[in-house]
Amino acid sequence: MKKIKPYKPSMLTAFGVIFLISAIIIPIQNLLVWGPELVSNFYTSPEITAEKISIGIITLGLGLILLGYKKQVYVDSS
């Protein structure tokens, strides 16, 4: 008889959390150093800045977390 094992989060979830934590540090650090007015200029300038890259990394991290928690069915054939 086959048993369905309970779901365990995959490694993608761990990578997503690491990406989120590392990407959130950059805007917080810049807010503390430069202030909100200058950081908002970083987001709206036409140049590629660390803040814009951090938005992409946050999106990537959230995507990895969603993929890690995607419902997977593990079947134990013992």
N, C-alpha and C. Protein backbone atom coordinates (compact mmCIF):
# COMPACT_ATOMS: atom_id res chain seq x y z
N MET A 1 0.84 -1.17 0.00
CA MET A 1 0.00 0.00 0.00
C MET A 1 0.89 1.25 0.00
N LYS A 2 0.50 2.24 -0.78
CA LYS A 2 1.28 3.47 -0.89
C LYS A 2 0.82 4.49 0.13
N LYS A 3 1.80 5.17 0.72
CA LYS A 3 1.53 6.23 1.69
C LYS A 3 1.95 7.56 1.12
N ILE A 4 1.18 8.58 1.37
CA ILE A 4 1.57 9.93 0.96
C ILE A 4 2.28 10.58 2.14
N LYS A 5 3.52 10.98 1.89
CA LYS A 5 4.32 11.60 2.94
C LYS A 5 3.93 13.06 3.11
N PRO A 6 4.07 13.63 4.30
CA PRO A 6 3.78 15.06 4.48
C PRO A 6 4.78 15.92 3.70
N TYR A 7 4.33 17.10 3.33
CA TYR A 7 5.15 18.00 2.53
C TYR A 7 6.27 18.61 3.36
N LYS A 8 7.45 18.71 2.77
CA LYS A 8 8.58 19.41 3.38
C LYS A 8 9.03 20.50 2.42
N PRO A 9 9.32 21.70 2.93
CA PRO A 9 9.80 22.76 2.04
C PRO A 9 11.11 22.35 1.38
N SER A 10 11.29 22.77 0.15
CA SER A 10 12.49 22.40 -0.58
C SER A 10 13.61 23.42 -0.34
N MET A 11 14.74 23.18 -0.99
CA MET A 11 15.88 24.08 -0.86
C MET A 11 15.59 25.44 -1.48
N LEU A 12 14.66 25.50 -2.42
CA LEU A 12 14.33 26.78 -3.04
C LEU A 12 13.79 27.77 -2.02
N THR A 13 13.07 27.27 -1.03
CA THR A 13 12.55 28.14 0.02
C THR A 13 13.69 28.78 0.81
N ALA A 14 14.69 27.99 1.13
CA ALA A 14 15.84 28.52 1.88
C ALA A 14 16.60 29.56 1.05
N PHE A 15 16.79 29.27 -0.23
CA PHE A 15 17.46 30.24 -1.09
C PHE A 15 16.64 31.52 -1.21
N GLY A 16 15.33 31.40 -1.29
CA GLY A 16 14.47 32.58 -1.38
C GLY A 16 14.57 33.45 -0.14
N VAL A 17 14.62 32.83 1.03
CA VAL A 17 14.75 33.60 2.27
C VAL A 17 16.10 34.31 2.32
N ILE A 18 17.16 33.63 1.91
CA ILE A 18 18.49 34.25 1.89
C ILE A 18 18.52 35.43 0.92
N PHE A 19 17.91 35.27 -0.26
CA PHE A 19 17.86 36.37 -1.22
C PHE A 19 17.08 37.55 -0.65
N LEU A 20 15.96 37.27 0.00
CA LEU A 20 15.16 38.36 0.58
C LEU A 20 15.94 39.13 1.64
N ILE A 21 16.57 38.41 2.54
CA ILE A 21 17.31 39.07 3.61
C ILE A 21 18.44 39.92 3.06
N SER A 22 19.19 39.37 2.11
CA SER A 22 20.31 40.13 1.56
C SER A 22 19.84 41.32 0.73
N ALA A 23 18.69 41.22 0.08
CA ALA A 23 18.20 42.32 -0.75
C ALA A 23 17.56 43.42 0.08
N ILE A 24 17.02 43.10 1.22
CA ILE A 24 16.38 44.12 2.06
C ILE A 24 17.41 44.96 2.80
N ILE A 25 18.60 44.42 2.99
CA ILE A 25 19.64 45.14 3.72
C ILE A 25 20.06 46.42 2.99
N ILE A 26 20.16 46.37 1.67
CA ILE A 26 20.66 47.52 0.88
C ILE A 26 19.79 48.76 1.04
N PRO A 27 18.47 48.67 0.82
CA PRO A 27 17.66 49.90 0.99
C PRO A 27 17.63 50.41 2.43
N ILE A 28 17.62 49.50 3.39
CA ILE A 28 17.61 49.94 4.79
C ILE A 28 18.90 50.67 5.13
N GLN A 29 20.03 50.12 4.69
CA GLN A 29 21.32 50.76 4.94
C GLN A 29 21.38 52.14 4.29
N ASN A 30 20.91 52.24 3.06
CA ASN A 30 20.94 53.52 2.37
C ASN A 30 19.97 54.53 2.98
N LEU A 31 18.85 54.06 3.50
CA LEU A 31 17.94 54.97 4.20
C LEU A 31 18.60 55.56 5.44
N LEU A 32 19.34 54.73 6.16
CA LEU A 32 20.00 55.21 7.37
C LEU A 32 21.16 56.16 7.04
N VAL A 33 21.87 55.90 5.96
CA VAL A 33 23.04 56.72 5.62
C VAL A 33 22.64 57.98 4.87
N TRP A 34 21.81 57.86 3.82
CA TRP A 34 21.52 58.97 2.93
C TRP A 34 20.22 59.69 3.25
N GLY A 35 19.26 59.03 3.85
CA GLY A 35 17.97 59.65 4.12
C GLY A 35 16.95 59.31 3.05
N PRO A 36 15.67 59.49 3.37
CA PRO A 36 14.61 59.07 2.44
C PRO A 36 14.56 59.88 1.14
N GLU A 37 14.90 61.15 1.19
CA GLU A 37 14.80 61.97 -0.02
C GLU A 37 15.81 61.52 -1.08
N LEU A 38 17.03 61.29 -0.68
CA LEU A 38 18.05 60.88 -1.64
C LEU A 38 17.81 59.44 -2.12
N VAL A 39 17.32 58.58 -1.24
CA VAL A 39 17.04 57.20 -1.64
C VAL A 39 15.90 57.17 -2.66
N SER A 40 14.91 58.03 -2.49
CA SER A 40 13.83 58.08 -3.49
C SER A 40 14.37 58.55 -4.84
N ASN A 41 15.38 59.42 -4.81
CA ASN A 41 16.02 59.83 -6.07
C ASN A 41 16.75 58.65 -6.71
N PHE A 42 17.33 57.77 -5.90
CA PHE A 42 18.00 56.59 -6.43
C PHE A 42 17.00 55.70 -7.17
N TYR A 43 15.79 55.58 -6.63
CA TYR A 43 14.77 54.73 -7.26
C TYR A 43 14.22 55.34 -8.55
N THR A 44 14.17 56.67 -8.63
CA THR A 44 13.54 57.31 -9.79
C THR A 44 14.53 57.76 -10.85
N SER A 45 15.82 57.67 -10.60
CA SER A 45 16.81 58.09 -11.59
C SER A 45 16.86 57.10 -12.75
N PRO A 46 17.29 57.55 -13.91
CA PRO A 46 17.35 56.64 -15.07
C PRO A 46 18.53 55.67 -15.02
N GLU A 47 19.44 55.86 -14.09
CA GLU A 47 20.62 54.99 -14.00
C GLU A 47 20.28 53.71 -13.22
N ILE A 48 21.08 52.69 -13.46
CA ILE A 48 20.91 51.44 -12.71
C ILE A 48 21.62 51.62 -11.37
N THR A 49 20.86 51.47 -10.29
CA THR A 49 21.43 51.64 -8.95
C THR A 49 21.22 50.36 -8.14
N ALA A 50 21.88 50.31 -6.99
CA ALA A 50 21.77 49.14 -6.12
C ALA A 50 20.33 48.95 -5.63
N GLU A 51 19.61 50.04 -5.45
CA GLU A 51 18.23 49.95 -4.99
C GLU A 51 17.34 49.27 -6.02
N LYS A 52 17.54 49.59 -7.28
CA LYS A 52 16.75 48.96 -8.35
C LYS A 52 17.09 47.48 -8.47
N ILE A 53 18.36 47.16 -8.33
CA ILE A 53 18.76 45.75 -8.36
C ILE A 53 18.17 45.01 -7.17
N SER A 54 18.10 45.66 -6.02
CA SER A 54 17.52 45.00 -4.85
C SER A 54 16.04 44.69 -5.04
N ILE A 55 15.33 45.52 -5.80
CA ILE A 55 13.92 45.22 -6.11
C ILE A 55 13.84 43.94 -6.93
N GLY A 56 14.73 43.78 -7.89
CA GLY A 56 14.76 42.55 -8.69
C GLY A 56 15.10 41.33 -7.86
N ILE A 57 16.03 41.48 -6.93
CA ILE A 57 16.42 40.36 -6.07
C ILE A 57 15.30 40.01 -5.10
N ILE A 58 14.56 41.00 -4.61
CA ILE A 58 13.41 40.73 -3.74
C ILE A 58 12.35 39.95 -4.53
N THR A 59 12.11 40.34 -5.78
CA THR A 59 11.16 39.63 -6.62
C THR A 59 11.61 38.20 -6.86
N LEU A 60 12.90 38.02 -7.13
CA LEU A 60 13.45 36.68 -7.33
C LEU A 60 13.31 35.84 -6.06
N GLY A 61 13.59 36.44 -4.90
CA GLY A 61 13.46 35.72 -3.64
C GLY A 61 12.03 35.28 -3.37
N LEU A 62 11.07 36.17 -3.63
CA LEU A 62 9.67 35.81 -3.43
C LEU A 62 9.25 34.69 -4.39
N GLY A 63 9.74 34.75 -5.62
CA GLY A 63 9.45 33.69 -6.58
C GLY A 63 10.03 32.35 -6.14
N LEU A 64 11.24 32.37 -5.60
CA LEU A 64 11.85 31.13 -5.12
C LEU A 64 11.07 30.55 -3.93
N ILE A 65 10.61 31.44 -3.06
CA ILE A 65 9.82 30.96 -1.91
C ILE A 65 8.52 30.34 -2.39
N LEU A 66 7.86 30.98 -3.36
CA LEU A 66 6.62 30.41 -3.89
C LEU A 66 6.87 29.06 -4.56
N LEU A 67 7.96 28.94 -5.30
CA LEU A 67 8.27 27.66 -5.92
C LEU A 67 8.61 26.60 -4.87
N GLY A 68 9.24 27.02 -3.79
CA GLY A 68 9.59 26.08 -2.73
C GLY A 68 8.37 25.56 -1.99
N TYR A 69 7.33 26.40 -1.87
CA TYR A 69 6.12 25.97 -1.18
C TYR A 69 5.05 25.44 -2.13
N LYS A 70 5.39 25.32 -3.41
CA LYS A 70 4.44 24.76 -4.36
C LYS A 70 4.09 23.34 -3.92
N LYS A 71 2.83 23.02 -3.97
CA LYS A 71 2.37 21.73 -3.47
C LYS A 71 2.95 20.61 -4.31
N GLN A 72 3.69 19.75 -3.66
CA GLN A 72 4.29 18.60 -4.31
C GLN A 72 3.81 17.34 -3.59
N VAL A 73 3.56 16.31 -4.34
CA VAL A 73 3.09 15.07 -3.74
C VAL A 73 4.25 14.07 -3.77
N TYR A 74 4.66 13.65 -2.59
CA TYR A 74 5.68 12.64 -2.47
C TYR A 74 5.00 11.31 -2.15
N VAL A 75 5.32 10.30 -2.89
CA VAL A 75 4.72 8.99 -2.68
C VAL A 75 5.79 8.04 -2.17
N ASP A 76 5.51 7.40 -1.07
CA ASP A 76 6.43 6.41 -0.50
C ASP A 76 5.96 5.04 -0.97
N SER A 77 6.82 4.33 -1.66
CA SER A 77 6.42 3.04 -2.23
C SER A 77 6.81 1.86 -1.35
N SER A 78 7.05 2.09 -0.09
CA SER A 78 7.40 0.96 0.79
C SER A 78 6.20 0.27 1.38
